[in-house]
């Protein structure tokens, strides 16, 4: 039986085998080419997943450090050392990712955006490990994070003065009032930040029935002195603006726990922190209150803590405004240090 032949005399089955072989050889080459094309996005996808995980891990850790820096900075207070918390965040981040070689650049900063809110920001360049080989992909990606911590300001609660004594023999009329001072409100144009004025004593023997001002969180109890020249025995002149008079406000703020008073540059007030009420007596009586004329007034340099007492000694005529003996006892106040009350349990919290 003869087999069929084509025009060249070559058996048909041989030709068929040759065509099939050539087909498979060409197909194998196509598969390799297609695989080569597909490997680029496949490698890119795998690399993207790895780099994304690195970026997510970097962002998460950096955010945790910035949160801690915001809370630490807020807890230190507006006058505290917030810089050390920012430096700690940078050191911790660099140490944590030291093996991966990033961040190549890093900046951590912080600022008080209000009297009770501290904002921290950080940025870092994270190196891409895989997808950077793809065309148009940068070598690094910048990660930015931010946190805002709020410091719960305490309400300072004061009791009535243990002593409010004004020299009853002076020729001038003197009146002391307590009030609340808000230094944030005082920065607003047209506002002075003073409220709840309450007269507590004068040197004319007037009896005042009063309750000490209850200042809001962030406000500090302060004092106002009205000095009316040669008017102690003439009540009609006490509030007469035509009579020579002077008004002084302490506008008290607390910095690092210590009271600071702004009397417009007038050297008129002496302050002494007494460990006990018994210590708030003149030195001649066994206490710690300075005595003597023509001297430099003392300034308390420690925090007024609950259980202690603050002595305020005033000179009603400061140097530069007429004759004065500079003994700083024309007006004497002894006030117990305030108790601090916080609203809620948390004194610090993240708010952004």
C-alpha atoms as a PDB file:
ATOM      1  CA  UNK A   1       0.000   0.000   0.000  1.00  0.00           C
ATOM      2  CA  UNK A   2       1.497   3.247  -1.027  1.00  0.00           C
ATOM      3  CA  UNK A   3       1.154   6.406   0.950  1.00  0.00           C
ATOM      4  CA  UNK A   4       0.100   9.705  -0.501  1.00  0.00           C
ATOM      5  CA  UNK A   5       2.775  12.136  -1.553  1.00  0.00           C
ATOM      6  CA  UNK A   6       2.863  15.824  -2.222  1.00  0.00           C
ATOM      7  CA  UNK A   7       4.269  17.327  -5.349  1.00  0.00           C
ATOM      8  CA  UNK A   8       7.819  17.140  -4.087  1.00  0.00           C
ATOM      9  CA  UNK A   9       7.461  13.449  -3.470  1.00  0.00           C
ATOM     10  CA  UNK A  10       7.839  13.874   0.335  1.00  0.00           C
ATOM     11  CA  UNK A  11       5.408  11.808   2.395  1.00  0.00           C
ATOM     12  CA  UNK A  12       2.571  13.895   3.813  1.00  0.00           C
ATOM     13  CA  UNK A  13       2.938  12.509   7.331  1.00  0.00           C
ATOM     14  CA  UNK A  14       6.527  13.703   7.462  1.00  0.00           C
ATOM     15  CA  UNK A  15       5.515  17.197   6.459  1.00  0.00           C
ATOM     16  CA  UNK A  16       2.827  17.258   9.091  1.00  0.00           C
ATOM     17  CA  UNK A  17       5.299  16.271  11.803  1.00  0.00           C
ATOM     18  CA  UNK A  18       7.602  19.084  10.718  1.00  0.00           C
ATOM     19  CA  UNK A  19       4.825  21.679  10.888  1.00  0.00           C
ATOM     20  CA  UNK A  20       3.743  20.559  14.344  1.00  0.00           C
ATOM     21  CA  UNK A  21       7.301  20.702  15.652  1.00  0.00           C
ATOM     22  CA  UNK A  22       7.830  24.150  14.290  1.00  0.00           C
ATOM     23  CA  UNK A  23       4.545  25.289  15.885  1.00  0.00           C
ATOM     24  CA  UNK A  24       5.560  24.087  19.293  1.00  0.00           C
ATOM     25  CA  UNK A  25       8.995  25.612  18.986  1.00  0.00           C
ATOM     26  CA  UNK A  26       7.471  28.996  18.091  1.00  0.00           C
ATOM     27  CA  UNK A  27       4.862  28.684  20.856  1.00  0.00           C
ATOM     28  CA  UNK A  28       7.528  28.015  23.458  1.00  0.00           C
ATOM     29  CA  UNK A  29       9.336  31.146  22.377  1.00  0.00           C
ATOM     30  CA  UNK A  30       6.132  33.157  22.594  1.00  0.00           C
ATOM     31  CA  UNK A  31       5.417  31.840  26.078  1.00  0.00           C
ATOM     32  CA  UNK A  32       8.891  32.871  27.213  1.00  0.00           C
ATOM     33  CA  UNK A  33       8.433  36.324  25.729  1.00  0.00           C
ATOM     34  CA  UNK A  34       4.993  36.719  27.286  1.00  0.00           C
ATOM     35  CA  UNK A  35       6.308  35.525  30.657  1.00  0.00           C
ATOM     36  CA  UNK A  36       9.137  38.015  30.425  1.00  0.00           C
ATOM     37  CA  UNK A  37       6.608  40.769  29.791  1.00  0.00           C
ATOM     38  CA  UNK A  38       4.374  39.637  32.651  1.00  0.00           C
ATOM     39  CA  UNK A  39       7.271  39.295  35.102  1.00  0.00           C
ATOM     40  CA  UNK A  40       7.795  43.055  35.154  1.00  0.00           C
ATOM     41  CA  UNK A  41       4.390  43.898  36.635  1.00  0.00           C
ATOM     42  CA  UNK A  42       4.508  40.749  38.782  1.00  0.00           C
ATOM     43  CA  UNK A  43       7.821  41.779  40.329  1.00  0.00           C
ATOM     44  CA  UNK A  44       6.497  45.321  40.577  1.00  0.00           C
ATOM     45  CA  UNK A  45       3.383  44.110  42.392  1.00  0.00           C
ATOM     46  CA  UNK A  46       5.427  42.067  44.849  1.00  0.00           C
ATOM     47  CA  UNK A  47       7.839  44.939  45.343  1.00  0.00           C
ATOM     48  CA  UNK A  48       4.968  47.344  45.802  1.00  0.00           C
ATOM     49  CA  UNK A  49       3.490  45.130  48.525  1.00  0.00           C
ATOM     50  CA  UNK A  50       6.847  44.952  50.339  1.00  0.00           C
ATOM     51  CA  UNK A  51       7.468  48.691  50.044  1.00  0.00           C
ATOM     52  CA  UNK A  52       3.912  49.484  51.085  1.00  0.00           C
ATOM     53  CA  UNK A  53       4.361  47.366  54.195  1.00  0.00           C
ATOM     54  CA  UNK A  54       7.589  49.249  54.960  1.00  0.00           C
ATOM     55  CA  UNK A  55       5.873  52.597  54.491  1.00  0.00           C
ATOM     56  CA  UNK A  56       2.934  51.561  56.670  1.00  0.00           C
ATOM     57  CA  UNK A  57       5.267  50.323  59.392  1.00  0.00           C
ATOM     58  CA  UNK A  58       7.310  53.523  59.206  1.00  0.00           C
ATOM     59  CA  UNK A  59       4.246  55.721  59.393  1.00  0.00           C
ATOM     60  CA  UNK A  60       2.759  53.761  62.290  1.00  0.00           C
ATOM     61  CA  UNK A  61       5.931  53.896  64.379  1.00  0.00           C
ATOM     62  CA  UNK A  62       6.594  57.539  63.571  1.00  0.00           C
ATOM     63  CA  UNK A  63       3.002  58.404  64.509  1.00  0.00           C
ATOM     64  CA  UNK A  64       3.404  56.658  67.879  1.00  0.00           C
ATOM     65  CA  UNK A  65       6.548  58.674  68.600  1.00  0.00           C
ATOM     66  CA  UNK A  66       4.927  61.942  67.556  1.00  0.00           C
ATOM     67  CA  UNK A  67       1.923  61.158  69.768  1.00  0.00           C
ATOM     68  CA  UNK A  68       4.269  60.581  72.714  1.00  0.00           C
ATOM     69  CA  UNK A  69       6.156  63.812  71.950  1.00  0.00           C
ATOM     70  CA  UNK A  70       2.898  65.784  71.818  1.00  0.00           C
ATOM     71  CA  UNK A  71       1.751  64.393  75.165  1.00  0.00           C
ATOM     72  CA  UNK A  72       5.175  64.953  76.749  1.00  0.00           C
ATOM     73  CA  UNK A  73       5.445  68.481  75.409  1.00  0.00           C
ATOM     74  CA  UNK A  74       1.939  69.365  76.557  1.00  0.00           C
ATOM     75  CA  UNK A  75       2.597  67.862  79.962  1.00  0.00           C
ATOM     76  CA  UNK A  76       5.715  70.020  80.334  1.00  0.00           C
ATOM     77  CA  UNK A  77       3.548  73.126  79.927  1.00  0.00           C
ATOM     78  CA  UNK A  78       4.046  76.261  77.818  1.00  0.00           C
ATOM     79  CA  UNK A  79       7.166  77.217  79.752  1.00  0.00           C
ATOM     80  CA  UNK A  80       8.552  73.688  80.000  1.00  0.00           C
ATOM     81  CA  UNK A  81      11.234  71.850  78.030  1.00  0.00           C
ATOM     82  CA  UNK A  82       9.274  70.420  75.098  1.00  0.00           C
ATOM     83  CA  UNK A  83      12.433  70.145  72.960  1.00  0.00           C
ATOM     84  CA  UNK A  84      13.643  67.059  74.794  1.00  0.00           C
ATOM     85  CA  UNK A  85      10.451  65.219  73.844  1.00  0.00           C
ATOM     86  CA  UNK A  86      10.964  66.094  70.183  1.00  0.00           C
ATOM     87  CA  UNK A  87      14.574  64.904  70.318  1.00  0.00           C
ATOM     88  CA  UNK A  88      13.470  61.681  72.011  1.00  0.00           C
ATOM     89  CA  UNK A  89      10.983  60.985  69.214  1.00  0.00           C
ATOM     90  CA  UNK A  90      13.680  61.427  66.555  1.00  0.00           C
ATOM     91  CA  UNK A  91      16.220  59.246  68.380  1.00  0.00           C
ATOM     92  CA  UNK A  92      13.700  56.476  68.981  1.00  0.00           C
ATOM     93  CA  UNK A  93      12.614  56.431  65.334  1.00  0.00           C
ATOM     94  CA  UNK A  94      16.147  56.351  63.987  1.00  0.00           C
ATOM     95  CA  UNK A  95      17.148  53.576  66.397  1.00  0.00           C
ATOM     96  CA  UNK A  96      14.074  51.479  65.593  1.00  0.00           C
ATOM     97  CA  UNK A  97      14.724  51.509  61.855  1.00  0.00           C
ATOM     98  CA  UNK A  98      18.523  51.540  61.957  1.00  0.00           C
ATOM     99  CA  UNK A  99      18.750  48.162  60.160  1.00  0.00           C
ATOM    100  CA  UNK A 100      16.694  49.323  57.197  1.00  0.00           C
ATOM    101  CA  UNK A 101      18.842  52.393  56.655  1.00  0.00           C
ATOM    102  CA  UNK A 102      16.096  54.946  56.832  1.00  0.00           C
ATOM    103  CA  UNK A 103      15.106  57.688  57.420  1.00  0.00           C
ATOM    104  CA  UNK A 104      17.630  59.396  55.181  1.00  0.00           C
ATOM    105  CA  UNK A 105      16.225  62.768  56.270  1.00  0.00           C
ATOM    106  CA  UNK A 106      14.028  63.491  59.274  1.00  0.00           C
ATOM    107  CA  UNK A 107      12.569  66.597  60.906  1.00  0.00           C
ATOM    108  CA  UNK A 108      10.547  66.715  64.133  1.00  0.00           C
ATOM    109  CA  UNK A 109       9.049  69.997  65.321  1.00  0.00           C
ATOM    110  CA  UNK A 110       6.519  71.193  67.872  1.00  0.00           C
ATOM    111  CA  UNK A 111       4.718  74.374  68.833  1.00  0.00           C
ATOM    112  CA  UNK A 112       2.004  75.626  71.171  1.00  0.00           C
ATOM    113  CA  UNK A 113      -0.994  76.474  69.008  1.00  0.00           C
ATOM    114  CA  UNK A 114      -2.948  77.721  72.028  1.00  0.00           C
ATOM    115  CA  UNK A 115      -2.440  78.046  75.771  1.00  0.00           C
ATOM    116  CA  UNK A 116      -3.451  74.421  76.295  1.00  0.00           C
ATOM    117  CA  UNK A 117      -2.691  72.650  72.979  1.00  0.00           C
ATOM    118  CA  UNK A 118       0.725  71.468  71.815  1.00  0.00           C
ATOM    119  CA  UNK A 119       1.126  70.323  68.186  1.00  0.00           C
ATOM    120  CA  UNK A 120       3.931  68.049  66.986  1.00  0.00           C
ATOM    121  CA  UNK A 121       4.829  67.279  63.370  1.00  0.00           C
ATOM    122  CA  UNK A 122       7.398  64.950  61.789  1.00  0.00           C
ATOM    123  CA  UNK A 123       8.501  64.148  58.264  1.00  0.00           C
ATOM    124  CA  UNK A 124      10.927  61.493  57.058  1.00  0.00           C
ATOM    125  CA  UNK A 125      12.132  60.191  53.673  1.00  0.00           C
ATOM    126  CA  UNK A 126      11.632  56.413  53.491  1.00  0.00           C
ATOM    127  CA  UNK A 127      13.769  54.514  50.963  1.00  0.00           C
ATOM    128  CA  UNK A 128      11.908  52.263  48.503  1.00  0.00           C
ATOM    129  CA  UNK A 129      13.502  48.828  48.295  1.00  0.00           C
ATOM    130  CA  UNK A 130      11.909  47.324  45.150  1.00  0.00           C
ATOM    131  CA  UNK A 131       9.610  49.471  43.064  1.00  0.00           C
ATOM    132  CA  UNK A 132      12.314  52.100  42.703  1.00  0.00           C
ATOM    133  CA  UNK A 133      13.708  49.998  39.841  1.00  0.00           C
ATOM    134  CA  UNK A 134      10.609  50.677  37.779  1.00  0.00           C
ATOM    135  CA  UNK A 135      10.666  53.599  35.368  1.00  0.00           C
ATOM    136  CA  UNK A 136       9.357  56.854  36.804  1.00  0.00           C
ATOM    137  CA  UNK A 137       9.297  55.641  40.425  1.00  0.00           C
ATOM    138  CA  UNK A 138      11.228  57.837  42.922  1.00  0.00           C
ATOM    139  CA  UNK A 139      13.912  56.425  45.207  1.00  0.00           C
ATOM    140  CA  UNK A 140      12.187  57.663  48.386  1.00  0.00           C
ATOM    141  CA  UNK A 141       8.717  58.579  49.620  1.00  0.00           C
ATOM    142  CA  UNK A 142       8.150  61.267  52.266  1.00  0.00           C
ATOM    143  CA  UNK A 143       6.060  60.269  55.268  1.00  0.00           C
ATOM    144  CA  UNK A 144       4.368  63.061  57.253  1.00  0.00           C
ATOM    145  CA  UNK A 145       2.519  62.697  60.553  1.00  0.00           C
ATOM    146  CA  UNK A 146       1.020  65.129  63.079  1.00  0.00           C
ATOM    147  CA  UNK A 147      -0.400  65.020  66.595  1.00  0.00           C
ATOM    148  CA  UNK A 148      -2.059  67.572  68.883  1.00  0.00           C
ATOM    149  CA  UNK A 149      -2.209  67.070  72.652  1.00  0.00           C
ATOM    150  CA  UNK A 150      -4.388  69.107  74.985  1.00  0.00           C
ATOM    151  CA  UNK A 151      -3.343  70.013  78.500  1.00  0.00           C
ATOM    152  CA  UNK A 152      -6.266  70.187  80.872  1.00  0.00           C
ATOM    153  CA  UNK A 153      -5.717  73.403  82.821  1.00  0.00           C
ATOM    154  CA  UNK A 154      -6.690  73.245  86.488  1.00  0.00           C
ATOM    155  CA  UNK A 155      -9.180  75.447  88.245  1.00  0.00           C
ATOM    156  CA  UNK A 156      -7.365  77.150  91.124  1.00  0.00           C
ATOM    157  CA  UNK A 157      -9.639  77.376  94.153  1.00  0.00           C
ATOM    158  CA  UNK A 158      -8.709  79.974  96.805  1.00  0.00           C
ATOM    159  CA  UNK A 159     -10.119  80.424 100.286  1.00  0.00           C
ATOM    160  CA  UNK A 160     -10.613  83.818 101.911  1.00  0.00           C
ATOM    161  CA  UNK A 161      -7.377  85.478 103.128  1.00  0.00           C
ATOM    162  CA  UNK A 162      -6.044  84.480 106.523  1.00  0.00           C
ATOM    163  CA  UNK A 163      -4.988  88.119 106.924  1.00  0.00           C
ATOM    164  CA  UNK A 164      -6.004  91.269 105.059  1.00  0.00           C
ATOM    165  CA  UNK A 165      -4.514  94.185 106.984  1.00  0.00           C
ATOM    166  CA  UNK A 166      -3.979  97.691 105.601  1.00  0.00           C
ATOM    167  CA  UNK A 167      -2.174 100.411 107.536  1.00  0.00           C
ATOM    168  CA  UNK A 168      -4.974 102.361 109.298  1.00  0.00           C
ATOM    169  CA  UNK A 169      -2.667 105.285 110.054  1.00  0.00           C
ATOM    170  CA  UNK A 170      -1.601 106.105 106.500  1.00  0.00           C
ATOM    171  CA  UNK A 171      -2.749 109.383 105.013  1.00  0.00           C
ATOM    172  CA  UNK A 172      -3.626 107.725 101.686  1.00  0.00           C
ATOM    173  CA  UNK A 173      -6.724 105.654 101.146  1.00  0.00           C
ATOM    174  CA  UNK A 174      -5.914 102.092  99.992  1.00  0.00           C
ATOM    175  CA  UNK A 175      -8.334  99.418  98.788  1.00  0.00           C
ATOM    176  CA  UNK A 176      -7.490  95.874  97.753  1.00  0.00           C
ATOM    177  CA  UNK A 177      -9.636  93.838  95.368  1.00  0.00           C
ATOM    178  CA  UNK A 178      -9.189  90.285  94.128  1.00  0.00           C
ATOM    179  CA  UNK A 179      -9.986  89.347  90.546  1.00  0.00           C
ATOM    180  CA  UNK A 180      -9.399  86.598  87.979  1.00  0.00           C
ATOM    181  CA  UNK A 181      -6.866  87.133  85.207  1.00  0.00           C
ATOM    182  CA  UNK A 182      -6.919  85.285  81.880  1.00  0.00           C
ATOM    183  CA  UNK A 183      -3.716  86.017  79.968  1.00  0.00           C
ATOM    184  CA  UNK A 184      -5.092  84.463  76.770  1.00  0.00           C
ATOM    185  CA  UNK A 185      -8.105  86.788  76.766  1.00  0.00           C
ATOM    186  CA  UNK A 186      -5.786  89.702  77.559  1.00  0.00           C
ATOM    187  CA  UNK A 187      -4.128  89.248  74.152  1.00  0.00           C
ATOM    188  CA  UNK A 188      -7.397  90.036  72.378  1.00  0.00           C
ATOM    189  CA  UNK A 189      -7.558  93.654  71.192  1.00  0.00           C
ATOM    190  CA  UNK A 190      -9.813  95.689  73.460  1.00  0.00           C
ATOM    191  CA  UNK A 191      -9.760  93.078  76.251  1.00  0.00           C
ATOM    192  CA  UNK A 192      -7.783  93.094  79.494  1.00  0.00           C
ATOM    193  CA  UNK A 193      -8.540  89.540  80.663  1.00  0.00           C
ATOM    194  CA  UNK A 194      -9.760  90.731  84.089  1.00  0.00           C
ATOM    195  CA  UNK A 195     -13.039  89.645  85.660  1.00  0.00           C
ATOM    196  CA  UNK A 196     -14.916  89.063  88.944  1.00  0.00           C
ATOM    197  CA  UNK A 197     -13.508  92.067  90.821  1.00  0.00           C
ATOM    198  CA  UNK A 198     -14.194  91.583  94.527  1.00  0.00           C
ATOM    199  CA  UNK A 199     -13.220  94.121  97.201  1.00  0.00           C
ATOM    200  CA  UNK A 200     -11.686  92.329 100.172  1.00  0.00           C
ATOM    201  CA  UNK A 201     -10.254  95.104 102.405  1.00  0.00           C
ATOM    202  CA  UNK A 202      -9.369  98.783 102.800  1.00  0.00           C
ATOM    203  CA  UNK A 203      -7.571 100.864 105.404  1.00  0.00           C
ATOM    204  CA  UNK A 204     -10.609 102.892 106.461  1.00  0.00           C
ATOM    205  CA  UNK A 205     -12.131 100.182 108.640  1.00  0.00           C
ATOM    206  CA  UNK A 206     -14.812  99.198 106.099  1.00  0.00           C
ATOM    207  CA  UNK A 207     -16.272  95.721 106.634  1.00  0.00           C
ATOM    208  CA  UNK A 208     -16.734  93.742 103.421  1.00  0.00           C
ATOM    209  CA  UNK A 209     -18.877  90.621 103.174  1.00  0.00           C
ATOM    210  CA  UNK A 210     -17.452  88.724 100.228  1.00  0.00           C
ATOM    211  CA  UNK A 211     -16.651  85.384  98.661  1.00  0.00           C
ATOM    212  CA  UNK A 212     -13.350  84.958  96.869  1.00  0.00           C
ATOM    213  CA  UNK A 213     -13.655  84.889  93.070  1.00  0.00           C
ATOM    214  CA  UNK A 214     -13.893  81.390  91.614  1.00  0.00           C
ATOM    215  CA  UNK A 215     -11.633  81.568  88.598  1.00  0.00           C
ATOM    216  CA  UNK A 216     -12.107  79.368  85.545  1.00  0.00           C
ATOM    217  CA  UNK A 217      -9.505  76.888  84.322  1.00  0.00           C
ATOM    218  CA  UNK A 218      -6.516  78.810  82.980  1.00  0.00           C
ATOM    219  CA  UNK A 219      -7.276  81.917  85.049  1.00  0.00           C
ATOM    220  CA  UNK A 220      -5.226  83.003  88.063  1.00  0.00           C
ATOM    221  CA  UNK A 221      -6.316  84.980  91.110  1.00  0.00           C
ATOM    222  CA  UNK A 222      -4.807  88.466  90.982  1.00  0.00           C
ATOM    223  CA  UNK A 223      -4.991  91.685  93.020  1.00  0.00           C
ATOM    224  CA  UNK A 224      -5.850  95.301  92.341  1.00  0.00           C
ATOM    225  CA  UNK A 225      -4.651  98.161  94.533  1.00  0.00           C
ATOM    226  CA  UNK A 226      -6.423 101.507  94.483  1.00  0.00           C
ATOM    227  CA  UNK A 227      -4.324 104.224  96.088  1.00  0.00           C
ATOM    228  CA  UNK A 228      -5.996 107.631  96.584  1.00  0.00           C
ATOM    229  CA  UNK A 229      -3.672 110.280  97.928  1.00  0.00           C
ATOM    230  CA  UNK A 230      -4.544 111.940 101.255  1.00  0.00           C
ATOM    231  CA  UNK A 231      -8.099 110.587 101.280  1.00  0.00           C
ATOM    232  CA  UNK A 232      -8.248 107.892 103.985  1.00  0.00           C
ATOM    233  CA  UNK A 233     -10.507 109.967 106.224  1.00  0.00           C
ATOM    234  CA  UNK A 234     -12.539 111.468 103.372  1.00  0.00           C
ATOM    235  CA  UNK A 235     -14.827 108.781 101.913  1.00  0.00           C
ATOM    236  CA  UNK A 236     -16.281 111.121  99.292  1.00  0.00           C
ATOM    237  CA  UNK A 237     -12.870 111.178  97.575  1.00  0.00           C
ATOM    238  CA  UNK A 238     -12.265 107.441  97.439  1.00  0.00           C
ATOM    239  CA  UNK A 239     -13.870 107.021  94.034  1.00  0.00           C
ATOM    240  CA  UNK A 240     -13.440 110.555  92.783  1.00  0.00           C
ATOM    241  CA  UNK A 241     -11.327 110.346  89.640  1.00  0.00           C
ATOM    242  CA  UNK A 242     -10.438 114.033  90.031  1.00  0.00           C
ATOM    243  CA  UNK A 243      -8.511 113.227  93.200  1.00  0.00           C
ATOM    244  CA  UNK A 244      -4.895 112.117  92.662  1.00  0.00           C
ATOM    245  CA  UNK A 245      -5.055 108.343  92.550  1.00  0.00           C
ATOM    246  CA  UNK A 246      -3.164 105.331  91.199  1.00  0.00           C
ATOM    247  CA  UNK A 247      -4.328 101.842  90.241  1.00  0.00           C
ATOM    248  CA  UNK A 248      -2.091  98.780  90.122  1.00  0.00           C
ATOM    249  CA  UNK A 249      -2.984  95.299  88.831  1.00  0.00           C
ATOM    250  CA  UNK A 250      -0.806  92.248  89.451  1.00  0.00           C
ATOM    251  CA  UNK A 251      -2.168  90.363  86.374  1.00  0.00           C
ATOM    252  CA  UNK A 252      -0.745  87.208  87.895  1.00  0.00           C
ATOM    253  CA  UNK A 253       0.351  84.237  85.787  1.00  0.00           C
ATOM    254  CA  UNK A 254       1.893  80.959  86.883  1.00  0.00           C
ATOM    255  CA  UNK A 255       5.107  79.883  85.142  1.00  0.00           C
ATOM    256  CA  UNK A 256       6.547  76.493  86.085  1.00  0.00           C
ATOM    257  CA  UNK A 257       4.322  76.566  89.152  1.00  0.00           C
ATOM    258  CA  UNK A 258       5.602  79.955  90.386  1.00  0.00           C
ATOM    259  CA  UNK A 259       3.510  83.118  90.494  1.00  0.00           C
ATOM    260  CA  UNK A 260       4.680  85.998  88.361  1.00  0.00           C
ATOM    261  CA  UNK A 261       3.200  89.502  88.686  1.00  0.00           C
ATOM    262  CA  UNK A 262       3.077  92.281  86.103  1.00  0.00           C
ATOM    263  CA  UNK A 263       2.731  95.638  87.836  1.00  0.00           C
ATOM    264  CA  UNK A 264       3.788  97.726  84.888  1.00  0.00           C
ATOM    265  CA  UNK A 265       7.362  97.953  86.093  1.00  0.00           C
ATOM    266  CA  UNK A 266       6.497  99.452  89.492  1.00  0.00           C
ATOM    267  CA  UNK A 267       8.471  97.901  92.349  1.00  0.00           C
ATOM    268  CA  UNK A 268       5.555  97.790  94.742  1.00  0.00           C
ATOM    269  CA  UNK A 269       5.070  94.185  95.903  1.00  0.00           C
ATOM    270  CA  UNK A 270       6.918  91.709  98.110  1.00  0.00           C
ATOM    271  CA  UNK A 271       6.006  88.001  98.109  1.00  0.00           C
ATOM    272  CA  UNK A 272       7.132  85.342 100.574  1.00  0.00           C
ATOM    273  CA  UNK A 273       6.115  81.674 100.540  1.00  0.00           C
ATOM    274  CA  UNK A 274       5.442  80.428 104.066  1.00  0.00           C
ATOM    275  CA  UNK A 275       5.611  76.675 104.847  1.00  0.00           C
ATOM    276  CA  UNK A 276       3.046  77.217 107.621  1.00  0.00           C
ATOM    277  CA  UNK A 277       0.712  79.992 108.683  1.00  0.00           C
ATOM    278  CA  UNK A 278       2.812  80.481 111.811  1.00  0.00           C
ATOM    279  CA  UNK A 279       5.830  81.272 109.612  1.00  0.00           C
ATOM    280  CA  UNK A 280       3.985  84.198 108.015  1.00  0.00           C
ATOM    281  CA  UNK A 281       5.038  86.581 110.773  1.00  0.00           C
ATOM    282  CA  UNK A 282       7.740  89.276 110.894  1.00  0.00           C
ATOM    283  CA  UNK A 283      11.217  88.078 111.790  1.00  0.00           C
ATOM    284  CA  UNK A 284      11.047  90.062 115.030  1.00  0.00           C
ATOM    285  CA  UNK A 285       8.126  87.821 116.040  1.00  0.00           C
ATOM    286  CA  UNK A 286       9.825  84.557 115.103  1.00  0.00           C
ATOM    287  CA  UNK A 287       8.528  84.368 111.527  1.00  0.00           C
ATOM    288  CA  UNK A 288      10.183  84.684 108.128  1.00  0.00           C
ATOM    289  CA  UNK A 289       8.671  87.958 106.834  1.00  0.00           C
ATOM    290  CA  UNK A 290      11.428  90.550 106.199  1.00  0.00           C
ATOM    291  CA  UNK A 291      11.385  93.878 108.021  1.00  0.00           C
ATOM    292  CA  UNK A 292      13.071  97.244 107.667  1.00  0.00           C
ATOM    293  CA  UNK A 293      12.949 100.340 105.508  1.00  0.00           C
ATOM    294  CA  UNK A 294      14.669 101.244 102.263  1.00  0.00           C
ATOM    295  CA  UNK A 295      15.211  97.665 101.133  1.00  0.00           C
ATOM    296  CA  UNK A 296      14.760  95.516  98.072  1.00  0.00           C
ATOM    297  CA  UNK A 297      11.541  93.453  98.321  1.00  0.00           C
ATOM    298  CA  UNK A 298      11.774  89.679  98.385  1.00  0.00           C
ATOM    299  CA  UNK A 299      10.249  87.527  95.616  1.00  0.00           C
ATOM    300  CA  UNK A 300       8.938  83.999  96.136  1.00  0.00           C
ATOM    301  CA  UNK A 301      10.697  81.558  93.804  1.00  0.00           C
ATOM    302  CA  UNK A 302       8.910  78.334  94.678  1.00  0.00           C
ATOM    303  CA  UNK A 303       5.525  76.979  93.708  1.00  0.00           C
ATOM    304  CA  UNK A 304       2.614  77.827  95.989  1.00  0.00           C
ATOM    305  CA  UNK A 305       1.525  74.321  96.939  1.00  0.00           C
ATOM    306  CA  UNK A 306      -1.629  73.358  98.856  1.00  0.00           C
ATOM    307  CA  UNK A 307      -1.026  73.556 102.598  1.00  0.00           C
ATOM    308  CA  UNK A 308       1.388  76.489 102.297  1.00  0.00           C
ATOM    309  CA  UNK A 309       0.680  80.224 102.423  1.00  0.00           C
ATOM    310  CA  UNK A 310       1.672  83.213 100.311  1.00  0.00           C
ATOM    311  CA  UNK A 311       2.437  86.539 101.942  1.00  0.00           C
ATOM    312  CA  UNK A 312       1.894  89.735  99.930  1.00  0.00           C
ATOM    313  CA  UNK A 313       3.423  92.948 101.280  1.00  0.00           C
ATOM    314  CA  UNK A 314       2.620  96.163  99.406  1.00  0.00           C
ATOM    315  CA  UNK A 315       4.189  99.598  99.308  1.00  0.00           C
ATOM    316  CA  UNK A 316       1.324 101.983  98.587  1.00  0.00           C
ATOM    317  CA  UNK A 317       3.686 104.620  97.203  1.00  0.00           C
ATOM    318  CA  UNK A 318       6.228 102.990  94.907  1.00  0.00           C
ATOM    319  CA  UNK A 319       9.635 104.547  94.297  1.00  0.00           C
ATOM    320  CA  UNK A 320       9.208 107.221  91.640  1.00  0.00           C
ATOM    321  CA  UNK A 321       5.778 108.398  92.763  1.00  0.00           C
ATOM    322  CA  UNK A 322       6.469 110.574  95.757  1.00  0.00           C
ATOM    323  CA  UNK A 323       8.019 109.945  99.133  1.00  0.00           C
ATOM    324  CA  UNK A 324       8.158 106.317 100.247  1.00  0.00           C
ATOM    325  CA  UNK A 325       9.786 104.407 103.097  1.00  0.00           C
ATOM    326  CA  UNK A 326      10.034 101.168 101.065  1.00  0.00           C
ATOM    327  CA  UNK A 327       9.139  98.903 103.993  1.00  0.00           C
ATOM    328  CA  UNK A 328       6.535  96.934 101.972  1.00  0.00           C
ATOM    329  CA  UNK A 329       4.079  96.484 104.802  1.00  0.00           C
ATOM    330  CA  UNK A 330       1.500  99.194 104.091  1.00  0.00           C
ATOM    331  CA  UNK A 331      -0.802  96.395 102.947  1.00  0.00           C
ATOM    332  CA  UNK A 332      -0.385  92.827 104.158  1.00  0.00           C
ATOM    333  CA  UNK A 333      -2.211  89.829 102.770  1.00  0.00           C
ATOM    334  CA  UNK A 334      -1.780  86.189 103.698  1.00  0.00           C
ATOM    335  CA  UNK A 335      -3.581  83.808 101.384  1.00  0.00           C
ATOM    336  CA  UNK A 336      -3.576  80.018 101.494  1.00  0.00           C
ATOM    337  CA  UNK A 337      -2.149  78.366  98.386  1.00  0.00           C
ATOM    338  CA  UNK A 338      -4.900  77.199  96.048  1.00  0.00           C
ATOM    339  CA  UNK A 339      -6.236  73.700  95.615  1.00  0.00           C
ATOM    340  CA  UNK A 340      -6.136  72.511  92.002  1.00  0.00           C
ATOM    341  CA  UNK A 341      -9.293  71.004  90.551  1.00  0.00           C
ATOM    342  CA  UNK A 342      -9.368  69.276  87.166  1.00  0.00           C
ATOM    343  CA  UNK A 343     -12.423  68.603  85.072  1.00  0.00           C
ATOM    344  CA  UNK A 344     -12.519  64.893  84.294  1.00  0.00           C
ATOM    345  CA  UNK A 345      -9.908  62.267  85.065  1.00  0.00           C
ATOM    346  CA  UNK A 346      -7.432  62.899  82.246  1.00  0.00           C
ATOM    347  CA  UNK A 347      -5.137  65.893  82.445  1.00  0.00           C
ATOM    348  CA  UNK A 348      -3.623  65.130  79.037  1.00  0.00           C
ATOM    349  CA  UNK A 349      -5.250  63.808  75.880  1.00  0.00           C
ATOM    350  CA  UNK A 350      -4.662  63.602  72.158  1.00  0.00           C
ATOM    351  CA  UNK A 351      -7.136  65.719  70.228  1.00  0.00           C
ATOM    352  CA  UNK A 352      -5.696  65.608  66.712  1.00  0.00           C
END
